Amino acid sequence: MNPTPLNEDSLSNATPEQIHSALFAQFVTHHAQMTMMLLGKYPNPASGQLEPANLEASKHFIDQLEMIEAKTKGNLTPDESRLLRQMLSATRLTFAEVVDAQVTEPTPPAASPAEPAPPTEPAAPPSETTATDPAAADDESKVKFSKKY
């Protein structure tokens, strides 16, 4: 996912279509790289270290790529369309893998409290009068909450 950087020498003899195609490829690749960085797969260029996954931000970049795919449908060259589909597939798959890994990761054990919790008393058994009392049965059958629109 490392595109060739655009420079004046490579663009001096290029047609406008070639320039637009190169800029489109750079744009799509940049979005895919940002997504991968936000998913913790590429190091952050500022720190040089992998960052924890930011699912909300990475989903935003994937949504932008999906929007570009929808808005440019039928207007891309076969190479541009293939690049966009590949980047979307790669970012979606990585997103799903990261989400799945977060779900299946065991949660760390809770820190043990300094003092043990006081023992709890068992709950009192329900009184027999409430089970056989017809007035209590009527209270339970009444609607306690209702919504009106």
N, C-alpha and C. Protein backbone atom coordinates (compact mmCIF):
# COMPACT_ATOMS: atom_id res chain seq x y z
N MET A 1 0.81 -1.19 0.00
CA MET A 1 0.00 0.00 0.00
C MET A 1 0.85 1.25 0.00
N ASN A 2 2.04 1.18 -0.51
CA ASN A 2 2.89 2.35 -0.58
C ASN A 2 2.94 2.86 -2.01
N PRO A 3 2.17 3.89 -2.35
CA PRO A 3 2.18 4.40 -3.72
C PRO A 3 3.45 5.18 -3.99
N THR A 4 3.76 5.29 -5.26
CA THR A 4 4.91 6.11 -5.64
C THR A 4 4.53 7.56 -5.41
N PRO A 5 5.36 8.30 -4.67
CA PRO A 5 5.02 9.70 -4.43
C PRO A 5 5.01 10.48 -5.74
N LEU A 6 4.09 11.40 -5.84
CA LEU A 6 4.01 12.24 -7.03
C LEU A 6 5.05 13.34 -6.93
N ASN A 7 5.78 13.53 -8.02
CA ASN A 7 6.74 14.63 -8.05
C ASN A 7 6.67 15.30 -9.41
N GLU A 8 7.31 16.44 -9.53
CA GLU A 8 7.24 17.24 -10.75
C GLU A 8 7.79 16.48 -11.96
N ASP A 9 8.88 15.71 -11.77
CA ASP A 9 9.48 14.99 -12.89
C ASP A 9 8.53 13.95 -13.46
N SER A 10 7.86 13.21 -12.59
CA SER A 10 6.97 12.16 -13.08
C SER A 10 5.70 12.73 -13.69
N LEU A 11 5.34 13.96 -13.35
CA LEU A 11 4.11 14.55 -13.85
C LEU A 11 4.33 15.52 -15.02
N SER A 12 5.57 15.81 -15.36
CA SER A 12 5.84 16.83 -16.37
C SER A 12 5.28 16.45 -17.74
N ASN A 13 5.30 15.18 -18.10
CA ASN A 13 4.80 14.75 -19.41
C ASN A 13 3.47 14.00 -19.30
N ALA A 14 2.84 14.04 -18.16
CA ALA A 14 1.61 13.29 -17.94
C ALA A 14 0.40 14.06 -18.45
N THR A 15 -0.58 13.31 -18.89
CA THR A 15 -1.84 13.92 -19.31
C THR A 15 -2.67 14.22 -18.07
N PRO A 16 -3.67 15.08 -18.19
CA PRO A 16 -4.53 15.35 -17.04
C PRO A 16 -5.20 14.08 -16.49
N GLU A 17 -5.58 13.16 -17.37
CA GLU A 17 -6.19 11.90 -16.91
C GLU A 17 -5.21 11.09 -16.09
N GLN A 18 -3.95 11.06 -16.51
CA GLN A 18 -2.93 10.31 -15.77
C GLN A 18 -2.67 10.95 -14.41
N ILE A 19 -2.67 12.27 -14.39
CA ILE A 19 -2.46 12.98 -13.12
C ILE A 19 -3.62 12.69 -12.17
N HIS A 20 -4.85 12.77 -12.69
CA HIS A 20 -6.02 12.49 -11.85
C HIS A 20 -6.02 11.05 -11.36
N SER A 21 -5.61 10.14 -12.22
CA SER A 21 -5.56 8.74 -11.82
C SER A 21 -4.53 8.52 -10.72
N ALA A 22 -3.37 9.18 -10.85
CA ALA A 22 -2.33 9.06 -9.82
C ALA A 22 -2.78 9.68 -8.50
N LEU A 23 -3.44 10.82 -8.59
CA LEU A 23 -3.95 11.47 -7.37
C LEU A 23 -5.04 10.62 -6.72
N PHE A 24 -5.89 10.00 -7.52
CA PHE A 24 -6.93 9.14 -6.98
C PHE A 24 -6.32 7.95 -6.26
N ALA A 25 -5.32 7.33 -6.89
CA ALA A 25 -4.64 6.18 -6.26
C ALA A 25 -3.98 6.60 -4.95
N GLN A 26 -3.36 7.77 -4.95
CA GLN A 26 -2.72 8.27 -3.74
C GLN A 26 -3.77 8.54 -2.65
N PHE A 27 -4.90 9.11 -3.02
CA PHE A 27 -5.97 9.40 -2.07
C PHE A 27 -6.51 8.12 -1.44
N VAL A 28 -6.83 7.13 -2.27
CA VAL A 28 -7.38 5.87 -1.77
C VAL A 28 -6.37 5.16 -0.88
N THR A 29 -5.12 5.13 -1.32
CA THR A 29 -4.08 4.45 -0.54
C THR A 29 -3.86 5.17 0.79
N HIS A 30 -3.89 6.49 0.78
CA HIS A 30 -3.73 7.25 2.02
C HIS A 30 -4.84 6.91 3.01
N HIS A 31 -6.07 6.85 2.53
CA HIS A 31 -7.19 6.49 3.41
C HIS A 31 -7.04 5.08 3.96
N ALA A 32 -6.59 4.16 3.12
CA ALA A 32 -6.41 2.78 3.58
C ALA A 32 -5.28 2.72 4.62
N GLN A 33 -4.20 3.46 4.40
CA GLN A 33 -3.10 3.47 5.36
C GLN A 33 -3.53 4.09 6.69
N MET A 34 -4.30 5.16 6.63
CA MET A 34 -4.80 5.78 7.86
C MET A 34 -5.69 4.80 8.62
N THR A 35 -6.51 4.07 7.89
CA THR A 35 -7.37 3.08 8.53
C THR A 35 -6.54 2.02 9.23
N MET A 36 -5.51 1.52 8.54
CA MET A 36 -4.65 0.49 9.12
C MET A 36 -3.91 1.02 10.34
N MET A 37 -3.47 2.27 10.28
CA MET A 37 -2.79 2.87 11.44
C MET A 37 -3.76 2.97 12.62
N LEU A 38 -4.99 3.41 12.34
CA LEU A 38 -5.99 3.55 13.40
C LEU A 38 -6.43 2.20 13.96
N LEU A 39 -6.23 1.14 13.19
CA LEU A 39 -6.54 -0.20 13.67
C LEU A 39 -5.36 -0.84 14.39
N GLY A 40 -4.25 -0.10 14.50
CA GLY A 40 -3.08 -0.61 15.21
C GLY A 40 -2.22 -1.54 14.39
N LYS A 41 -2.33 -1.47 13.06
CA LYS A 41 -1.56 -2.36 12.19
C LYS A 41 -0.32 -1.68 11.62
N TYR A 42 -0.32 -0.38 11.52
CA TYR A 42 0.82 0.40 11.04
C TYR A 42 1.27 1.31 12.18
N PRO A 43 2.57 1.58 12.27
CA PRO A 43 3.02 2.49 13.32
C PRO A 43 2.60 3.93 13.03
N ASN A 44 2.36 4.65 14.09
CA ASN A 44 2.05 6.07 13.98
C ASN A 44 3.31 6.79 13.52
N PRO A 45 3.26 7.55 12.43
CA PRO A 45 4.47 8.22 11.95
C PRO A 45 5.06 9.21 12.95
N ALA A 46 4.23 9.80 13.78
CA ALA A 46 4.73 10.78 14.75
C ALA A 46 5.53 10.11 15.86
N SER A 47 5.04 8.96 16.34
CA SER A 47 5.71 8.30 17.46
C SER A 47 6.55 7.10 17.02
N GLY A 48 6.25 6.57 15.84
CA GLY A 48 6.96 5.38 15.38
C GLY A 48 6.49 4.11 16.06
N GLN A 49 5.41 4.20 16.83
CA GLN A 49 4.93 3.04 17.58
C GLN A 49 3.50 2.70 17.15
N LEU A 50 3.15 1.43 17.36
CA LEU A 50 1.78 1.01 17.10
C LEU A 50 0.88 1.58 18.19
N GLU A 51 -0.23 2.13 17.78
CA GLU A 51 -1.19 2.71 18.71
C GLU A 51 -2.31 1.70 18.95
N PRO A 52 -3.02 1.80 20.08
CA PRO A 52 -4.20 0.94 20.27
C PRO A 52 -5.25 1.27 19.21
N ALA A 53 -6.04 0.29 18.88
CA ALA A 53 -7.05 0.46 17.83
C ALA A 53 -8.10 1.49 18.23
N ASN A 54 -8.44 2.34 17.28
CA ASN A 54 -9.50 3.32 17.45
C ASN A 54 -10.58 2.94 16.44
N LEU A 55 -11.54 2.14 16.88
CA LEU A 55 -12.54 1.58 15.97
C LEU A 55 -13.43 2.66 15.36
N GLU A 56 -13.79 3.65 16.14
CA GLU A 56 -14.68 4.69 15.63
C GLU A 56 -14.02 5.47 14.50
N ALA A 57 -12.78 5.89 14.69
CA ALA A 57 -12.08 6.66 13.66
C ALA A 57 -11.79 5.80 12.43
N SER A 58 -11.40 4.55 12.65
CA SER A 58 -11.11 3.69 11.51
C SER A 58 -12.38 3.40 10.71
N LYS A 59 -13.51 3.24 11.40
CA LYS A 59 -14.78 3.04 10.71
C LYS A 59 -15.13 4.26 9.88
N HIS A 60 -14.79 5.44 10.36
CA HIS A 60 -15.05 6.68 9.63
C HIS A 60 -14.29 6.67 8.30
N PHE A 61 -13.02 6.25 8.31
CA PHE A 61 -12.24 6.20 7.08
C PHE A 61 -12.78 5.14 6.12
N ILE A 62 -13.21 4.01 6.65
CA ILE A 62 -13.80 2.97 5.80
C ILE A 62 -15.09 3.49 5.18
N ASP A 63 -15.89 4.20 5.96
CA ASP A 63 -17.12 4.79 5.44
C ASP A 63 -16.82 5.78 4.31
N GLN A 64 -15.75 6.55 4.46
CA GLN A 64 -15.37 7.50 3.41
C GLN A 64 -14.98 6.76 2.13
N LEU A 65 -14.23 5.67 2.25
CA LEU A 65 -13.87 4.89 1.07
C LEU A 65 -15.12 4.30 0.42
N GLU A 66 -16.07 3.84 1.23
CA GLU A 66 -17.32 3.31 0.68
C GLU A 66 -18.10 4.40 -0.05
N MET A 67 -18.08 5.61 0.49
CA MET A 67 -18.76 6.73 -0.15
C MET A 67 -18.10 7.04 -1.49
N ILE A 68 -16.77 7.03 -1.53
CA ILE A 68 -16.05 7.28 -2.78
C ILE A 68 -16.41 6.20 -3.80
N GLU A 69 -16.51 4.95 -3.35
CA GLU A 69 -16.88 3.86 -4.26
C GLU A 69 -18.27 4.11 -4.85
N ALA A 70 -19.21 4.50 -4.00
CA ALA A 70 -20.58 4.73 -4.46
C ALA A 70 -20.67 5.93 -5.40
N LYS A 71 -19.99 7.01 -5.05
CA LYS A 71 -20.08 8.24 -5.83
C LYS A 71 -19.32 8.18 -7.16
N THR A 72 -18.33 7.29 -7.26
CA THR A 72 -17.54 7.21 -8.49
C THR A 72 -17.91 6.00 -9.33
N LYS A 73 -18.95 5.29 -8.95
CA LYS A 73 -19.35 4.07 -9.67
C LYS A 73 -19.58 4.40 -11.15
N GLY A 74 -18.90 3.65 -12.01
CA GLY A 74 -19.01 3.86 -13.45
C GLY A 74 -18.10 4.93 -14.00
N ASN A 75 -17.38 5.65 -13.16
CA ASN A 75 -16.51 6.73 -13.62
C ASN A 75 -15.03 6.42 -13.44
N LEU A 76 -14.70 5.23 -12.97
CA LEU A 76 -13.30 4.88 -12.71
C LEU A 76 -12.75 4.00 -13.82
N THR A 77 -11.44 4.07 -14.00
CA THR A 77 -10.79 3.14 -14.91
C THR A 77 -10.79 1.76 -14.24
N PRO A 78 -10.58 0.71 -15.00
CA PRO A 78 -10.52 -0.62 -14.37
C PRO A 78 -9.46 -0.71 -13.27
N ASP A 79 -8.30 -0.08 -13.48
CA ASP A 79 -7.25 -0.10 -12.46
C ASP A 79 -7.67 0.65 -11.20
N GLU A 80 -8.30 1.81 -11.37
CA GLU A 80 -8.75 2.58 -10.21
C GLU A 80 -9.83 1.81 -9.44
N SER A 81 -10.74 1.21 -10.17
CA SER A 81 -11.81 0.44 -9.54
C SER A 81 -11.24 -0.76 -8.78
N ARG A 82 -10.28 -1.44 -9.38
CA ARG A 82 -9.65 -2.59 -8.72
C ARG A 82 -8.92 -2.15 -7.46
N LEU A 83 -8.17 -1.05 -7.54
CA LEU A 83 -7.45 -0.53 -6.37
C LEU A 83 -8.42 -0.20 -5.24
N LEU A 84 -9.49 0.48 -5.55
CA LEU A 84 -10.47 0.86 -4.53
C LEU A 84 -11.11 -0.37 -3.90
N ARG A 85 -11.49 -1.36 -4.72
CA ARG A 85 -12.07 -2.59 -4.18
C ARG A 85 -11.08 -3.33 -3.29
N GLN A 86 -9.81 -3.39 -3.71
CA GLN A 86 -8.79 -4.08 -2.91
C GLN A 86 -8.57 -3.38 -1.57
N MET A 87 -8.49 -2.05 -1.59
CA MET A 87 -8.28 -1.30 -0.35
C MET A 87 -9.48 -1.45 0.58
N LEU A 88 -10.67 -1.41 0.02
CA LEU A 88 -11.87 -1.59 0.84
C LEU A 88 -11.91 -2.99 1.44
N SER A 89 -11.59 -3.99 0.64
CA SER A 89 -11.59 -5.37 1.16
C SER A 89 -10.57 -5.53 2.27
N ALA A 90 -9.37 -5.00 2.06
CA ALA A 90 -8.31 -5.14 3.06
C ALA A 90 -8.68 -4.43 4.35
N THR A 91 -9.21 -3.22 4.26
CA THR A 91 -9.54 -2.47 5.47
C THR A 91 -10.73 -3.09 6.20
N ARG A 92 -11.73 -3.54 5.45
CA ARG A 92 -12.88 -4.20 6.10
C ARG A 92 -12.46 -5.48 6.81
N LEU A 93 -11.63 -6.27 6.15
CA LEU A 93 -11.17 -7.52 6.75
C LEU A 93 -10.37 -7.25 8.01
N THR A 94 -9.46 -6.28 7.95
CA THR A 94 -8.66 -5.94 9.12
C THR A 94 -9.54 -5.41 10.24
N PHE A 95 -10.52 -4.58 9.91
CA PHE A 95 -11.45 -4.06 10.91
C PHE A 95 -12.17 -5.22 11.60
N ALA A 96 -12.67 -6.16 10.81
CA ALA A 96 -13.38 -7.31 11.39
C ALA A 96 -12.45 -8.14 12.27
N GLU A 97 -11.20 -8.32 11.85
CA GLU A 97 -10.25 -9.09 12.65
C GLU A 97 -9.96 -8.40 13.99
N VAL A 98 -9.80 -7.08 13.95
CA VAL A 98 -9.51 -6.33 15.18
C VAL A 98 -10.70 -6.38 16.12
N VAL A 99 -11.90 -6.20 15.59
CA VAL A 99 -13.10 -6.28 16.43
C VAL A 99 -13.22 -7.67 17.03
N ASP A 100 -13.01 -8.69 16.22
CA ASP A 100 -13.10 -10.07 16.70
C ASP A 100 -12.05 -10.34 17.77
N ALA A 101 -10.84 -9.82 17.58
CA ALA A 101 -9.77 -10.03 18.57
C ALA A 101 -10.12 -9.34 19.89
N GLN A 102 -10.74 -8.17 19.82
CA GLN A 102 -11.12 -7.46 21.04
C GLN A 102 -12.23 -8.19 21.78
N VAL A 103 -13.12 -8.83 21.05
CA VAL A 103 -14.23 -9.55 21.67
C VAL A 103 -13.73 -10.82 22.33
N THR A 104 -12.77 -11.50 21.70
CA THR A 104 -12.31 -12.78 22.23
C THR A 104 -11.18 -12.64 23.24
N GLU A 105 -10.63 -11.44 23.40
CA GLU A 105 -9.57 -11.25 24.40
C GLU A 105 -10.15 -11.44 25.79
N PRO A 106 -9.47 -12.20 26.64
CA PRO A 106 -9.96 -12.32 28.02
C PRO A 106 -9.77 -11.00 28.75
N THR A 107 -10.72 -10.66 29.56
CA THR A 107 -10.60 -9.43 30.33
C THR A 107 -9.64 -9.68 31.49
N PRO A 108 -8.82 -8.69 31.81
CA PRO A 108 -7.88 -8.88 32.91
C PRO A 108 -8.64 -9.04 34.22
N PRO A 109 -8.12 -9.85 35.14
CA PRO A 109 -8.81 -10.02 36.41
C PRO A 109 -8.88 -8.71 37.17
N ALA A 110 -9.97 -8.52 37.87
CA ALA A 110 -10.15 -7.30 38.65
C ALA A 110 -9.18 -7.29 39.82
N ALA A 111 -8.76 -6.11 40.18
CA ALA A 111 -7.84 -5.99 41.31
C ALA A 111 -8.55 -6.46 42.58
N SER A 112 -7.82 -7.18 43.39
CA SER A 112 -8.44 -7.68 44.61
C SER A 112 -8.62 -6.53 45.59
N PRO A 113 -9.76 -6.47 46.25
CA PRO A 113 -10.00 -5.37 47.19
C PRO A 113 -9.08 -5.49 48.40
N ALA A 114 -8.79 -4.34 49.01
CA ALA A 114 -7.91 -4.32 50.17
C ALA A 114 -8.54 -5.08 51.33
N GLU A 115 -9.83 -4.93 51.51
CA GLU A 115 -10.53 -5.64 52.58
C GLU A 115 -11.60 -6.53 51.96
N PRO A 116 -11.76 -7.71 52.49
CA PRO A 116 -12.79 -8.57 51.93
C PRO A 116 -14.17 -7.98 52.17
N ALA A 117 -15.06 -8.24 51.27
CA ALA A 117 -16.42 -7.73 51.40
C ALA A 117 -17.12 -8.45 52.54
N PRO A 118 -18.00 -7.75 53.25
CA PRO A 118 -18.72 -8.41 54.35
C PRO A 118 -19.60 -9.51 53.78
N PRO A 119 -19.77 -10.57 54.56
CA PRO A 119 -20.62 -11.66 54.06
C PRO A 119 -22.05 -11.18 53.91
N THR A 120 -22.69 -11.65 52.89
CA THR A 120 -24.08 -11.25 52.66
C THR A 120 -25.00 -12.30 53.24
N GLU A 121 -26.12 -11.83 53.72
CA GLU A 121 -27.09 -12.75 54.30
C GLU A 121 -27.97 -13.28 53.17
N PRO A 122 -28.37 -14.52 53.26
CA PRO A 122 -29.25 -15.05 52.21
C PRO A 122 -30.57 -14.29 52.22
N ALA A 123 -31.15 -14.17 51.07
CA ALA A 123 -32.42 -13.46 50.95
C ALA A 123 -33.51 -14.21 51.69
N ALA A 124 -34.39 -13.46 52.30
CA ALA A 124 -35.49 -14.08 53.04
C ALA A 124 -36.44 -14.74 52.05
N PRO A 125 -36.94 -15.91 52.39
CA PRO A 125 -37.89 -16.56 51.48
C PRO A 125 -39.16 -15.73 51.39
N PRO A 126 -39.82 -15.76 50.26
CA PRO A 126 -41.05 -14.97 50.14
C PRO A 126 -42.09 -15.46 51.14
N SER A 127 -42.81 -14.51 51.68
CA SER A 127 -43.81 -14.89 52.69
C SER A 127 -44.97 -15.60 52.00
N GLU A 128 -45.57 -16.48 52.73
CA GLU A 128 -46.66 -17.27 52.17
C GLU A 128 -47.90 -16.42 51.95
N THR A 129 -48.04 -15.34 52.70
CA THR A 129 -49.24 -14.52 52.56
C THR A 129 -49.25 -13.82 51.21
N THR A 130 -48.11 -13.43 50.71
CA THR A 130 -48.10 -12.74 49.42
C THR A 130 -48.43 -13.69 48.29
N ALA A 131 -48.07 -14.95 48.41
CA ALA A 131 -48.34 -15.90 47.34
C ALA A 131 -49.81 -16.27 47.28
N THR A 132 -50.48 -16.32 48.43
CA THR A 132 -51.87 -16.77 48.45
C THR A 132 -52.85 -15.62 48.63
N ASP A 133 -52.38 -14.45 48.94
CA ASP A 133 -53.24 -13.30 49.16
C ASP A 133 -53.79 -12.80 47.82
N PRO A 134 -55.12 -12.78 47.62
CA PRO A 134 -55.68 -12.34 46.33
C PRO A 134 -55.40 -10.87 46.06
N ALA A 135 -55.31 -10.04 47.08
CA ALA A 135 -55.03 -8.62 46.88
C ALA A 135 -53.62 -8.44 46.31
N ALA A 136 -52.69 -9.23 46.80
CA ALA A 136 -51.32 -9.15 46.30
C ALA A 136 -51.25 -9.63 44.85
N ALA A 137 -52.02 -10.64 44.51
CA ALA A 137 -52.04 -11.14 43.14
C ALA A 137 -52.60 -10.08 42.19
N ASP A 138 -53.64 -9.32 42.65
CA ASP A 138 -54.20 -8.26 41.83
C ASP A 138 -53.17 -7.16 41.57
N ASP A 139 -52.37 -6.81 42.59
CA ASP A 139 -51.35 -5.78 42.44
C ASP A 139 -50.33 -6.19 41.38
N GLU A 140 -49.97 -7.46 41.37
CA GLU A 140 -48.97 -7.92 40.42
C GLU A 140 -49.51 -7.94 39.00
N SER A 141 -50.79 -8.16 38.83
CA SER A 141 -51.36 -8.24 37.49
C SER A 141 -51.66 -6.87 36.90
N LYS A 142 -51.67 -5.83 37.72
CA LYS A 142 -51.94 -4.49 37.22
C LYS A 142 -50.76 -3.98 36.40
N VAL A 143 -51.06 -3.18 35.41
CA VAL A 143 -50.03 -2.57 34.58
C VAL A 143 -49.34 -1.49 35.41
N LYS A 144 -48.03 -1.60 35.51
CA LYS A 144 -47.29 -0.65 36.34
C LYS A 144 -46.81 0.55 35.54
N PHE A 145 -46.54 0.34 34.26
CA PHE A 145 -46.05 1.42 33.41
C PHE A 145 -46.83 1.39 32.10
N SER A 146 -47.04 2.54 31.54
CA SER A 146 -47.67 2.59 30.22
C SER A 146 -47.09 3.78 29.47
N LYS A 147 -47.05 3.64 28.13
CA LYS A 147 -46.56 4.72 27.28
C LYS A 147 -47.71 5.24 26.46
N LYS A 148 -47.78 6.54 26.33
CA LYS A 148 -48.78 7.16 25.48
C LYS A 148 -48.06 8.06 24.50
N TYR A 149 -48.48 7.97 23.27
CA TYR A 149 -47.85 8.78 22.22
C TYR A 149 -48.83 9.76 21.66
